[in-house]
Protein backbone atom coordinates (compact mmCIF):
# COMPACT_ATOMS: atom_id res chain seq x y z
CA MET A 1 -24.59 -25.74 -30.79
CA PRO A 2 -21.93 -28.16 -29.40
CA VAL A 3 -21.66 -28.48 -25.60
CA ASP A 4 -17.77 -29.02 -25.77
CA PRO A 5 -16.07 -25.76 -26.94
CA GLY A 6 -13.10 -28.08 -28.09
CA ARG A 7 -9.45 -27.16 -28.17
CA HIS A 8 -10.12 -23.36 -28.16
CA TRP A 9 -11.35 -23.53 -24.65
CA LEU A 10 -8.52 -22.09 -22.56
CA GLU A 11 -7.81 -23.11 -18.98
CA ALA A 12 -9.00 -19.85 -17.89
CA GLY A 13 -12.34 -20.30 -19.51
CA ILE A 14 -12.79 -23.21 -17.19
CA THR A 15 -11.39 -22.27 -13.95
CA GLY A 16 -11.44 -18.43 -14.40
CA ILE A 17 -8.58 -16.27 -13.94
CA ALA A 18 -6.90 -16.31 -10.78
CA ARG A 19 -7.25 -13.33 -8.38
CA PRO A 20 -4.16 -11.32 -7.98
CA ARG A 21 -2.31 -11.76 -4.61
CA GLU A 22 -3.69 -9.30 -1.95
CA TRP A 23 -1.09 -9.94 0.74
CA ASP A 24 2.79 -10.34 0.54
CA ALA A 25 2.72 -12.18 3.78
CA ILE A 26 -0.10 -13.71 6.23
CA ALA A 27 0.07 -14.75 9.83
CA THR A 28 -2.33 -15.68 12.50
CA ILE A 29 -1.71 -14.82 16.26
CA ASP A 30 -3.37 -15.78 19.51
CA ALA A 31 -4.07 -12.60 21.35
CA PRO A 32 -7.00 -13.02 23.74
CA GLY A 33 -6.47 -9.63 25.70
CA VAL A 34 -6.41 -7.41 22.61
CA LEU A 35 -9.27 -5.16 22.54
CA GLY A 36 -11.02 -4.05 19.22
CA GLU A 37 -11.93 -5.78 15.99
CA GLU A 38 -9.31 -4.42 13.50
CA VAL A 39 -5.87 -2.87 13.64
CA GLU A 40 -4.13 -0.98 10.71
CA PHE A 41 -0.40 0.17 10.88
CA VAL A 42 2.58 0.80 8.90
CA ALA A 43 6.03 -0.77 10.07
CA LEU A 44 8.82 1.53 8.97
CA ALA A 45 12.35 0.39 8.11
CA ASP A 46 13.66 2.05 11.50
CA GLY A 47 11.17 -0.40 13.63
CA ARG A 48 8.80 2.47 14.36
CA PHE A 49 4.93 2.19 13.73
CA VAL A 50 2.45 4.51 12.42
CA ARG A 51 -1.18 3.75 13.27
CA GLU A 52 -3.51 3.93 10.45
CA GLY A 53 -7.54 4.14 10.32
CA GLU A 54 -9.28 4.50 13.60
CA ARG A 55 -6.89 5.30 16.43
CA SER A 56 -6.41 1.99 18.69
CA ALA A 57 -4.84 1.81 21.81
CA THR A 58 -3.42 -1.62 20.69
CA ASP A 59 0.36 -1.92 20.16
CA PRO A 60 1.24 -3.14 16.70
CA ALA A 61 4.30 -4.76 17.90
CA LEU A 62 2.20 -8.03 18.83
CA PHE A 63 1.13 -8.20 15.22
CA ALA A 64 4.44 -7.24 13.66
CA ALA A 65 6.18 -10.04 15.74
CA ALA A 66 3.93 -12.48 14.08
CA LEU A 67 5.09 -11.25 10.75
CA GLU A 68 8.76 -11.27 11.41
CA GLY A 69 10.95 -13.08 8.91
CA ALA A 70 7.87 -13.48 6.53
CA ILE A 71 8.08 -9.78 5.17
CA GLU A 72 10.87 -6.97 4.94
CA LEU A 73 10.09 -3.74 6.38
CA PRO A 74 8.76 -1.24 5.47
CA TYR A 75 5.20 -2.62 5.12
CA ARG A 76 1.44 -1.98 5.75
CA ALA A 77 -0.67 -4.39 7.74
CA VAL A 78 -4.15 -5.13 8.81
CA ALA A 79 -4.83 -7.41 11.71
CA VAL A 80 -8.46 -8.56 12.11
CA ARG A 81 -10.11 -10.66 14.89
CA ARG A 82 -11.20 -13.86 13.68
CA GLU A 83 -13.17 -15.39 16.63
CA ALA A 84 -10.38 -16.85 18.88
CA LEU A 85 -7.37 -15.72 16.48
CA TRP A 86 -6.09 -12.57 14.94
CA ALA A 87 -5.44 -12.81 11.02
CA VAL A 88 -2.51 -10.44 10.06
CA GLY A 89 -1.97 -9.68 6.48
CA ALA A 90 1.05 -7.27 5.13
CA VAL A 91 2.01 -5.78 1.80
CA SER A 92 5.52 -4.43 1.15
CA ILE A 93 5.42 -0.48 0.54
CA GLU A 94 8.07 2.23 -0.33
CA VAL A 95 8.46 5.01 2.18
CA ALA A 96 10.50 8.10 1.32
CA GLU A 97 11.01 11.46 2.83
CA LEU A 98 9.69 14.46 0.56
CA HIS A 99 11.90 17.71 0.80
CA PRO A 100 10.53 20.08 0.85
CA SER A 101 7.36 18.24 2.37
CA PRO A 102 4.35 19.21 0.18
CA ARG A 103 1.10 20.33 1.85
CA GLY A 104 -1.92 17.96 2.02
CA ASP A 105 -2.02 14.21 3.04
CA GLU A 106 -2.69 12.58 -0.45
CA LEU A 107 -0.87 13.41 -3.60
CA GLU A 108 -1.37 12.18 -7.06
CA LEU A 109 1.06 13.24 -9.77
CA THR A 110 0.33 12.26 -13.43
CA TRP A 111 2.61 12.71 -16.49
CA ASN A 112 1.04 11.54 -19.66
CA GLY A 113 4.25 12.33 -21.87
CA THR A 114 3.25 15.96 -22.40
CA THR A 115 1.47 17.45 -19.56
CA LEU A 116 2.09 17.15 -15.77
CA SER A 117 -0.84 17.38 -13.48
CA LEU A 118 -1.12 17.24 -9.82
CA THR A 119 -3.93 16.78 -7.24
CA VAL A 120 -3.54 17.36 -3.54
CA ASP A 121 -6.38 15.96 -1.38
CA SER A 122 -8.41 15.39 -4.58
CA LEU A 123 -8.10 19.08 -5.63
CA PRO A 124 -6.10 20.32 -8.64
CA ALA A 125 -2.83 21.97 -7.65
CA ASP A 126 0.27 23.42 -9.21
CA PRO A 127 2.67 20.57 -10.17
CA ALA A 128 5.52 22.65 -8.96
CA HIS A 129 4.49 21.79 -5.15
CA ALA A 130 5.33 18.10 -5.87
CA ASP A 131 9.16 18.40 -6.90
CA ALA A 132 10.31 15.78 -4.43
CA LEU A 133 7.49 13.22 -5.67
CA GLU A 134 8.41 14.08 -9.31
CA ARG A 135 12.08 13.44 -8.90
CA ILE A 136 11.33 9.88 -7.26
CA ALA A 137 8.80 9.16 -10.19
CA LEU A 138 11.16 10.18 -12.85
CA HIS A 139 14.15 7.88 -11.15
CA ARG A 140 11.33 5.06 -11.30
CA SER A 141 9.82 5.49 -14.63
CA ARG A 142 11.27 6.15 -18.06
CA GLY A 143 7.97 7.16 -19.53
CA PRO A 144 4.63 8.36 -18.60
CA TYR A 145 3.68 7.44 -15.07
CA ALA A 146 1.10 7.98 -12.30
CA ALA A 147 2.74 8.56 -8.75
CA ARG A 148 0.77 8.56 -5.41
CA ALA A 149 1.97 9.75 -2.10
CA HIS A 150 0.15 9.07 1.20
CA ARG A 151 1.42 11.14 4.25
CA LEU A 152 2.38 8.63 7.02
CA ALA A 153 3.82 11.25 9.55
CA ASP A 154 5.49 14.65 8.96
CA ASP A 155 7.68 14.32 6.28
CA LEU A 156 7.52 10.52 5.68
CA TRP A 157 5.38 9.53 2.56
CA GLU A 158 4.20 6.03 1.23
CA ILE A 159 4.94 6.13 -2.37
CA LEU A 160 3.65 4.24 -5.35
CA VAL A 161 4.81 4.96 -9.03
CA LEU A 162 3.08 3.29 -11.84
CA PRO A 163 3.91 3.35 -15.54
CA LEU A 164 1.03 4.40 -17.83
């Protein structure tokens, strides 16, 4: 058996397939007085912040300032202490108000072309309870879709709609 696979050996076979990009923007910041090891937050279009994960007393504005100009609002960010510096990564998100605001904190709405199904906080639910999410999904996708919504605060939701 030959060691050289010849012209059929694709570049990906040699180097592997590139990992998808995890962050839309990254930055480092020197913040010696900041306590903790990690800060998760969402920066909203109006400049407000929603803290996620473990509740931290750290003001996310310090980390958001490091990302300024590198990413448009709104975005989800994670700041992690790396010895003397903090590394901050952010990814763009879509935020929408859902009216009427559905119950629960996590919604998954799926339409496979014939059947509409909904889970609320991982439990099956009546799809009629997610009218607002369905309207957004129909506007974003012309065919079958999976739509997810994560409650950020009150009636503000992080939305993701993917075609199936």
